[in-house]
């Protein structure tokens, strides 16, 4: 498979009922293809950022710079290679 490449996609899913009942806080932020994770135990620590081919925001909260994505949209993009 010379010349083949791997595309990586990440998705922030909505909280489940357990996470909502515990009033969990989303520690992920997305902007374009960059996903940032904040350490909740060390909030003053510099957040860690990662770049992916595709970043999909499906969480119920709002992340500045993230465009909400429907499941159908990312299934279509991933299956078509777009």
PDB file of N, CA and C in Angstrom:
ATOM      1  N   UNK A   1       0.819  -1.198   0.000  1.00  0.00           N
ATOM      2  CA  UNK A   1       0.000   0.000   0.000  1.00  0.00           C
ATOM      3  C   UNK A   1       0.856   1.252   0.000  1.00  0.00           C
ATOM      4  N   UNK A   2       1.735   1.341  -0.908  1.00  0.00           N
ATOM      5  CA  UNK A   2       2.585   2.522  -1.006  1.00  0.00           C
ATOM      6  C   UNK A   2       1.730   3.750  -1.303  1.00  0.00           C
ATOM      7  N   UNK A   3       2.028   4.823  -0.623  1.00  0.00           N
ATOM      8  CA  UNK A   3       1.304   6.075  -0.847  1.00  0.00           C
ATOM      9  C   UNK A   3      -0.030   6.164  -0.130  1.00  0.00           C
ATOM     10  N   UNK A   4      -0.433   5.119   0.567  1.00  0.00           N
ATOM     11  CA  UNK A   4      -1.695   5.152   1.304  1.00  0.00           C
ATOM     12  C   UNK A   4      -1.541   6.027   2.536  1.00  0.00           C
ATOM     13  N   UNK A   5      -2.625   6.669   2.917  1.00  0.00           N
ATOM     14  CA  UNK A   5      -2.576   7.495   4.120  1.00  0.00           C
ATOM     15  C   UNK A   5      -3.790   7.197   4.991  1.00  0.00           C
ATOM     16  N   UNK A   6      -3.652   7.513   6.241  1.00  0.00           N
ATOM     17  CA  UNK A   6      -4.728   7.304   7.201  1.00  0.00           C
ATOM     18  C   UNK A   6      -5.310   8.663   7.557  1.00  0.00           C
ATOM     19  N   UNK A   7      -6.624   8.770   7.499  1.00  0.00           N
ATOM     20  CA  UNK A   7      -7.315   9.981   7.926  1.00  0.00           C
ATOM     21  C   UNK A   7      -7.869   9.712   9.321  1.00  0.00           C
ATOM     22  N   UNK A   8      -7.702  10.690  10.213  1.00  0.00           N
ATOM     23  CA  UNK A   8      -8.153  10.522  11.595  1.00  0.00           C
ATOM     24  C   UNK A   8      -9.257  11.531  11.892  1.00  0.00           C
ATOM     25  N   UNK A   9     -10.355  11.009  12.435  1.00  0.00           N
ATOM     26  CA  UNK A   9     -11.484  11.860  12.812  1.00  0.00           C
ATOM     27  C   UNK A   9     -11.765  11.679  14.298  1.00  0.00           C
ATOM     28  N   UNK A  10     -12.120  12.773  14.968  1.00  0.00           N
ATOM     29  CA  UNK A  10     -12.519  12.717  16.374  1.00  0.00           C
ATOM     30  C   UNK A  10     -13.877  13.389  16.510  1.00  0.00           C
ATOM     31  N   UNK A  11     -14.625  12.945  17.506  1.00  0.00           N
ATOM     32  CA  UNK A  11     -15.953  13.509  17.748  1.00  0.00           C
ATOM     33  C   UNK A  11     -16.165  13.673  19.241  1.00  0.00           C
ATOM     34  N   UNK A  12     -16.671  14.821  19.640  1.00  0.00           N
ATOM     35  CA  UNK A  12     -17.067  15.038  21.029  1.00  0.00           C
ATOM     36  C   UNK A  12     -18.551  14.706  21.095  1.00  0.00           C
ATOM     37  N   UNK A  13     -18.872  13.637  21.797  1.00  0.00           N
ATOM     38  CA  UNK A  13     -20.253  13.180  21.893  1.00  0.00           C
ATOM     39  C   UNK A  13     -20.996  13.936  22.989  1.00  0.00           C
ATOM     40  N   UNK A  14     -22.313  13.915  22.937  1.00  0.00           N
ATOM     41  CA  UNK A  14     -23.089  14.517  24.029  1.00  0.00           C
ATOM     42  C   UNK A  14     -22.880  13.727  25.320  1.00  0.00           C
ATOM     43  N   UNK A  15     -23.070  14.378  26.441  1.00  0.00           N
ATOM     44  CA  UNK A  15     -22.998  13.683  27.720  1.00  0.00           C
ATOM     45  C   UNK A  15     -24.120  12.651  27.802  1.00  0.00           C
ATOM     46  N   UNK A  16     -23.823  11.536  28.482  1.00  0.00           N
ATOM     47  CA  UNK A  16     -24.871  10.554  28.755  1.00  0.00           C
ATOM     48  C   UNK A  16     -25.588  10.962  30.040  1.00  0.00           C
ATOM     49  N   UNK A  17     -26.628  10.211  30.418  1.00  0.00           N
ATOM     50  CA  UNK A  17     -27.439  10.597  31.583  1.00  0.00           C
ATOM     51  C   UNK A  17     -26.626  10.612  32.878  1.00  0.00           C
ATOM     52  N   UNK A  18     -25.682   9.707  33.010  1.00  0.00           N
ATOM     53  CA  UNK A  18     -24.844   9.679  34.217  1.00  0.00           C
ATOM     54  C   UNK A  18     -23.999  10.940  34.325  1.00  0.00           C
ATOM     55  N   UNK A  19     -23.386  11.333  33.220  1.00  0.00           N
ATOM     56  CA  UNK A  19     -22.557  12.546  33.220  1.00  0.00           C
ATOM     57  C   UNK A  19     -23.403  13.780  33.493  1.00  0.00           C
ATOM     58  N   UNK A  20     -24.605  13.818  32.943  1.00  0.00           N
ATOM     59  CA  UNK A  20     -25.487  14.965  33.189  1.00  0.00           C
ATOM     60  C   UNK A  20     -25.937  15.020  34.642  1.00  0.00           C
ATOM     61  N   UNK A  21     -26.255  13.852  35.226  1.00  0.00           N
ATOM     62  CA  UNK A  21     -26.722  13.851  36.615  1.00  0.00           C
ATOM     63  C   UNK A  21     -25.606  14.265  37.575  1.00  0.00           C
ATOM     64  N   UNK A  22     -24.372  14.032  37.193  1.00  0.00           N
ATOM     65  CA  UNK A  22     -23.227  14.442  38.017  1.00  0.00           C
ATOM     66  C   UNK A  22     -22.768  15.864  37.710  1.00  0.00           C
ATOM     67  N   UNK A  23     -23.506  16.518  36.797  1.00  0.00           N
ATOM     68  CA  UNK A  23     -23.176  17.890  36.381  1.00  0.00           C
ATOM     69  C   UNK A  23     -21.730  17.998  35.917  1.00  0.00           C
ATOM     70  N   UNK A  24     -21.328  17.021  35.108  1.00  0.00           N
ATOM     71  CA  UNK A  24     -19.966  17.003  34.568  1.00  0.00           C
ATOM     72  C   UNK A  24     -19.722  18.213  33.679  1.00  0.00           C
ATOM     73  N   UNK A  25     -18.473  18.568  33.568  1.00  0.00           N
ATOM     74  CA  UNK A  25     -18.072  19.712  32.744  1.00  0.00           C
ATOM     75  C   UNK A  25     -17.305  19.176  31.538  1.00  0.00           C
ATOM     76  N   UNK A  26     -17.612  19.698  30.369  1.00  0.00           N
ATOM     77  CA  UNK A  26     -16.900  19.295  29.157  1.00  0.00           C
ATOM     78  C   UNK A  26     -15.511  19.937  29.182  1.00  0.00           C
ATOM     79  N   UNK A  27     -14.484  19.124  29.038  1.00  0.00           N
ATOM     80  CA  UNK A  27     -13.104  19.623  29.101  1.00  0.00           C
ATOM     81  C   UNK A  27     -12.461  19.690  27.724  1.00  0.00           C
ATOM     82  N   UNK A  28     -13.270  19.503  26.681  1.00  0.00           N
ATOM     83  CA  UNK A  28     -12.790  19.523  25.306  1.00  0.00           C
ATOM     84  C   UNK A  28     -13.260  20.799  24.626  1.00  0.00           C
ATOM     85  N   UNK A  29     -12.394  21.362  23.798  1.00  0.00           N
ATOM     86  CA  UNK A  29     -12.750  22.503  22.956  1.00  0.00           C
ATOM     87  C   UNK A  29     -12.267  22.183  21.549  1.00  0.00           C
ATOM     88  N   UNK A  30     -12.989  22.677  20.554  1.00  0.00           N
ATOM     89  CA  UNK A  30     -12.588  22.452  19.168  1.00  0.00           C
ATOM     90  C   UNK A  30     -12.652  23.749  18.402  1.00  0.00           C
ATOM     91  N   UNK A  31     -11.692  23.887  17.493  1.00  0.00           N
ATOM     92  CA  UNK A  31     -11.686  25.012  16.565  1.00  0.00           C
ATOM     93  C   UNK A  31     -11.064  24.498  15.274  1.00  0.00           C
ATOM     94  N   UNK A  32     -11.879  24.392  14.236  1.00  0.00           N
ATOM     95  CA  UNK A  32     -11.382  23.830  12.983  1.00  0.00           C
ATOM     96  C   UNK A  32     -10.947  22.395  13.203  1.00  0.00           C
ATOM     97  N   UNK A  33      -9.733  22.078  12.792  1.00  0.00           N
ATOM     98  CA  UNK A  33      -9.239  20.703  12.952  1.00  0.00           C
ATOM     99  C   UNK A  33      -8.437  20.519  14.243  1.00  0.00           C
ATOM    100  N   UNK A  34      -8.418  21.547  15.097  1.00  0.00           N
ATOM    101  CA  UNK A  34      -7.669  21.473  16.357  1.00  0.00           C
ATOM    102  C   UNK A  34      -8.600  21.147  17.515  1.00  0.00           C
ATOM    103  N   UNK A  35      -8.217  20.147  18.287  1.00  0.00           N
ATOM    104  CA  UNK A  35      -8.961  19.740  19.470  1.00  0.00           C
ATOM    105  C   UNK A  35      -8.087  19.998  20.687  1.00  0.00           C
ATOM    106  N   UNK A  36      -8.647  20.684  21.684  1.00  0.00           N
ATOM    107  CA  UNK A  36      -7.894  21.061  22.884  1.00  0.00           C
ATOM    108  C   UNK A  36      -8.536  20.412  24.103  1.00  0.00           C
ATOM    109  N   UNK A  37      -7.679  19.885  24.967  1.00  0.00           N
ATOM    110  CA  UNK A  37      -8.134  19.234  26.192  1.00  0.00           C
ATOM    111  C   UNK A  37      -7.577  19.983  27.392  1.00  0.00           C
ATOM    112  N   UNK A  38      -8.467  20.323  28.327  1.00  0.00           N
ATOM    113  CA  UNK A  38      -8.082  21.016  29.552  1.00  0.00           C
ATOM    114  C   UNK A  38      -8.073  19.995  30.682  1.00  0.00           C
ATOM    115  N   UNK A  39      -7.021  20.008  31.489  1.00  0.00           N
ATOM    116  CA  UNK A  39      -6.937  19.101  32.630  1.00  0.00           C
ATOM    117  C   UNK A  39      -7.789  19.676  33.766  1.00  0.00           C
ATOM    118  N   UNK A  40      -8.902  19.023  34.119  1.00  0.00           N
ATOM    119  CA  UNK A  40      -9.781  19.582  35.151  1.00  0.00           C
ATOM    120  C   UNK A  40      -9.145  19.615  36.540  1.00  0.00           C
ATOM    121  N   UNK A  41      -8.127  18.781  36.754  1.00  0.00           N
ATOM    122  CA  UNK A  41      -7.451  18.766  38.054  1.00  0.00           C
ATOM    123  C   UNK A  41      -6.383  19.840  38.143  1.00  0.00           C
ATOM    124  N   UNK A  42      -5.946  20.350  37.001  1.00  0.00           N
ATOM    125  CA  UNK A  42      -4.926  21.404  36.942  1.00  0.00           C
ATOM    126  C   UNK A  42      -5.370  22.462  35.926  1.00  0.00           C
ATOM    127  N   UNK A  43      -6.441  23.220  36.208  1.00  0.00           N
ATOM    128  CA  UNK A  43      -6.982  24.163  35.228  1.00  0.00           C
ATOM    129  C   UNK A  43      -6.015  25.279  34.808  1.00  0.00           C
ATOM    130  N   UNK A  44      -4.999  25.560  35.631  1.00  0.00           N
ATOM    131  CA  UNK A  44      -4.030  26.603  35.270  1.00  0.00           C
ATOM    132  C   UNK A  44      -2.939  26.065  34.352  1.00  0.00           C
ATOM    133  N   UNK A  45      -2.867  24.754  34.221  1.00  0.00           N
ATOM    134  CA  UNK A  45      -1.900  24.114  33.335  1.00  0.00           C
ATOM    135  C   UNK A  45      -2.261  24.434  31.877  1.00  0.00           C
ATOM    136  N   UNK A  46      -1.257  24.561  31.029  1.00  0.00           N
ATOM    137  CA  UNK A  46      -1.504  24.842  29.617  1.00  0.00           C
ATOM    138  C   UNK A  46      -2.284  23.695  28.997  1.00  0.00           C
ATOM    139  N   UNK A  47      -3.412  24.002  28.327  1.00  0.00           N
ATOM    140  CA  UNK A  47      -4.191  22.936  27.687  1.00  0.00           C
ATOM    141  C   UNK A  47      -3.374  22.228  26.605  1.00  0.00           C
ATOM    142  N   UNK A  48      -3.697  20.973  26.354  1.00  0.00           N
ATOM    143  CA  UNK A  48      -3.029  20.186  25.326  1.00  0.00           C
ATOM    144  C   UNK A  48      -3.847  20.284  24.042  1.00  0.00           C
ATOM    145  N   UNK A  49      -3.187  20.578  22.929  1.00  0.00           N
ATOM    146  CA  UNK A  49      -3.870  20.697  21.639  1.00  0.00           C
ATOM    147  C   UNK A  49      -3.368  19.642  20.667  1.00  0.00           C
ATOM    148  N   UNK A  50      -4.289  19.137  19.867  1.00  0.00           N
ATOM    149  CA  UNK A  50      -3.990  18.110  18.879  1.00  0.00           C
ATOM    150  C   UNK A  50      -4.690  18.473  17.579  1.00  0.00           C
ATOM    151  N   UNK A  51      -4.084  18.117  16.457  1.00  0.00           N
ATOM    152  CA  UNK A  51      -4.703  18.361  15.154  1.00  0.00           C
ATOM    153  C   UNK A  51      -5.108  17.036  14.525  1.00  0.00           C
ATOM    154  N   UNK A  52      -6.294  17.019  13.945  1.00  0.00           N
ATOM    155  CA  UNK A  52      -6.827  15.838  13.283  1.00  0.00           C
ATOM    156  C   UNK A  52      -7.334  16.222  11.897  1.00  0.00           C
ATOM    157  N   UNK A  53      -7.534  15.245  11.055  1.00  0.00           N
ATOM    158  CA  UNK A  53      -8.075  15.520   9.727  1.00  0.00           C
ATOM    159  C   UNK A  53      -9.497  16.051   9.820  1.00  0.00           C
ATOM    160  N   UNK A  54     -10.265  15.485  10.724  1.00  0.00           N
ATOM    161  CA  UNK A  54     -11.656  15.893  10.912  1.00  0.00           C
ATOM    162  C   UNK A  54     -11.941  15.989  12.402  1.00  0.00           C
ATOM    163  N   UNK A  55     -12.617  17.063  12.808  1.00  0.00           N
ATOM    164  CA  UNK A  55     -13.037  17.235  14.195  1.00  0.00           C
ATOM    165  C   UNK A  55     -14.528  17.550  14.185  1.00  0.00           C
ATOM    166  N   UNK A  56     -15.305  16.743  14.904  1.00  0.00           N
ATOM    167  CA  UNK A  56     -16.757  16.894  14.895  1.00  0.00           C
ATOM    168  C   UNK A  56     -17.273  17.178  16.296  1.00  0.00           C
ATOM    169  N   UNK A  57     -18.076  18.222  16.395  1.00  0.00           N
ATOM    170  CA  UNK A  57     -18.646  18.647  17.666  1.00  0.00           C
ATOM    171  C   UNK A  57     -20.099  18.198  17.718  1.00  0.00           C
ATOM    172  N   UNK A  58     -20.418  17.251  18.599  1.00  0.00           N
ATOM    173  CA  UNK A  58     -21.788  16.779  18.777  1.00  0.00           C
ATOM    174  C   UNK A  58     -22.269  16.980  20.211  1.00  0.00           C
ATOM    175  N   UNK A  59     -21.449  17.629  21.030  1.00  0.00           N
ATOM    176  CA  UNK A  59     -21.786  17.837  22.440  1.00  0.00           C
ATOM    177  C   UNK A  59     -22.947  18.807  22.566  1.00  0.00           C
ATOM    178  N   UNK A  60     -23.630  18.744  23.686  1.00  0.00           N
ATOM    179  CA  UNK A  60     -24.781  19.617  23.907  1.00  0.00           C
ATOM    180  C   UNK A  60     -24.370  21.039  24.277  1.00  0.00           C
ATOM    181  N   UNK A  61     -23.155  21.218  24.782  1.00  0.00           N
ATOM    182  CA  UNK A  61     -22.693  22.566  25.113  1.00  0.00           C
ATOM    183  C   UNK A  61     -22.077  23.205  23.864  1.00  0.00           C
ATOM    184  N   UNK A  62     -21.765  24.462  23.966  1.00  0.00           N
ATOM    185  CA  UNK A  62     -21.203  25.198  22.839  1.00  0.00           C
ATOM    186  C   UNK A  62     -19.700  25.355  23.041  1.00  0.00           C
ATOM    187  N   UNK A  63     -18.947  25.139  21.974  1.00  0.00           N
ATOM    188  CA  UNK A  63     -17.502  25.368  22.007  1.00  0.00           C
ATOM    189  C   UNK A  63     -17.195  26.461  21.004  1.00  0.00           C
ATOM    190  N   UNK A  64     -16.580  27.578  21.440  1.00  0.00           N
ATOM    191  CA  UNK A  64     -16.247  28.643  20.493  1.00  0.00           C
ATOM    192  C   UNK A  64     -15.397  28.087  19.350  1.00  0.00           C
ATOM    193  N   UNK A  65     -15.798  28.370  18.133  1.00  0.00           N
ATOM    194  CA  UNK A  65     -15.039  27.918  16.972  1.00  0.00           C
ATOM    195  C   UNK A  65     -15.444  26.554  16.456  1.00  0.00           C
ATOM    196  N   UNK A  66     -16.278  25.836  17.202  1.00  0.00           N
ATOM    197  CA  UNK A  66     -16.719  24.509  16.763  1.00  0.00           C
ATOM    198  C   UNK A  66     -18.061  24.623  16.062  1.00  0.00           C
ATOM    199  N   UNK A  67     -18.198  23.924  14.966  1.00  0.00           N
ATOM    200  CA  UNK A  67     -19.459  23.891  14.250  1.00  0.00           C
ATOM    201  C   UNK A  67     -20.182  22.612  14.617  1.00  0.00           C
ATOM    202  N   UNK A  68     -21.398  22.717  15.165  1.00  0.00           N
ATOM    203  CA  UNK A  68     -22.132  21.497  15.508  1.00  0.00           C
ATOM    204  C   UNK A  68     -22.295  20.612  14.271  1.00  0.00           C
ATOM    205  N   UNK A  69     -22.101  19.321  14.440  1.00  0.00           N
ATOM    206  CA  UNK A  69     -22.152  18.391  13.328  1.00  0.00           C
ATOM    207  C   UNK A  69     -23.140  17.283  13.616  1.00  0.00           C
ATOM    208  N   UNK A  70     -23.981  17.005  12.641  1.00  0.00           N
ATOM    209  CA  UNK A  70     -24.935  15.914  12.767  1.00  0.00           C
ATOM    210  C   UNK A  70     -24.238  14.606  12.422  1.00  0.00           C
ATOM    211  N   UNK A  71     -24.685  13.530  13.044  1.00  0.00           N
ATOM    212  CA  UNK A  71     -24.089  12.212  12.815  1.00  0.00           C
ATOM    213  C   UNK A  71     -24.092  11.879  11.329  1.00  0.00           C
ATOM    214  N   UNK A  72     -25.144  12.176  10.644  1.00  0.00           N
ATOM    215  CA  UNK A  72     -25.252  11.870   9.214  1.00  0.00           C
ATOM    216  C   UNK A  72     -24.138  12.560   8.431  1.00  0.00           C
ATOM    217  N   UNK A  73     -23.793  13.768   8.805  1.00  0.00           N
ATOM    218  CA  UNK A  73     -22.759  14.526   8.098  1.00  0.00           C
ATOM    219  C   UNK A  73     -21.405  13.845   8.194  1.00  0.00           C
ATOM    220  N   UNK A  74     -20.973  13.469   9.393  1.00  0.00           N
ATOM    221  CA  UNK A  74     -19.640  12.883   9.469  1.00  0.00           C
ATOM    222  C   UNK A  74     -19.602  11.470   8.926  1.00  0.00           C
ATOM    223  N   UNK A  75     -20.707  10.736   9.001  1.00  0.00           N
ATOM    224  CA  UNK A  75     -20.733   9.408   8.363  1.00  0.00           C
ATOM    225  C   UNK A  75     -20.546   9.568   6.852  1.00  0.00           C
ATOM    226  N   UNK A  76     -21.210  10.553   6.277  1.00  0.00           N
ATOM    227  CA  UNK A  76     -21.085  10.801   4.838  1.00  0.00           C
ATOM    228  C   UNK A  76     -19.648  11.212   4.473  1.00  0.00           C
ATOM    229  N   UNK A  77     -19.074  12.140   5.222  1.00  0.00           N
ATOM    230  CA  UNK A  77     -17.721  12.607   4.925  1.00  0.00           C
ATOM    231  C   UNK A  77     -16.693  11.495   5.049  1.00  0.00           C
ATOM    232  N   UNK A  78     -16.810  10.689   6.083  1.00  0.00           N
ATOM    233  CA  UNK A  78     -15.837   9.619   6.292  1.00  0.00           C
ATOM    234  C   UNK A  78     -15.985   8.506   5.270  1.00  0.00           C
ATOM    235  N   UNK A  79     -17.199   8.182   4.908  1.00  0.00           N
ATOM    236  CA  UNK A  79     -17.389   7.093   3.939  1.00  0.00           C
ATOM    237  C   UNK A  79     -17.020   7.513   2.525  1.00  0.00           C
ATOM    238  N   UNK A  80     -17.140   8.813   2.219  1.00  0.00           N
ATOM    239  CA  UNK A  80     -16.822   9.286   0.873  1.00  0.00           C
ATOM    240  C   UNK A  80     -15.363   9.733   0.739  1.00  0.00           C
ATOM    241  N   UNK A  81     -14.684   9.886   1.871  1.00  0.00           N
ATOM    242  CA  UNK A  81     -13.291  10.337   1.835  1.00  0.00           C
ATOM    243  C   UNK A  81     -13.165  11.829   1.641  1.00  0.00           C
ATOM    244  N   UNK A  82     -14.290  12.562   1.746  1.00  0.00           N
ATOM    245  CA  UNK A  82     -14.246  14.021   1.561  1.00  0.00           C
ATOM    246  C   UNK A  82     -13.763  14.728   2.793  1.00  0.00           C
TER     247      UNK A  82
END
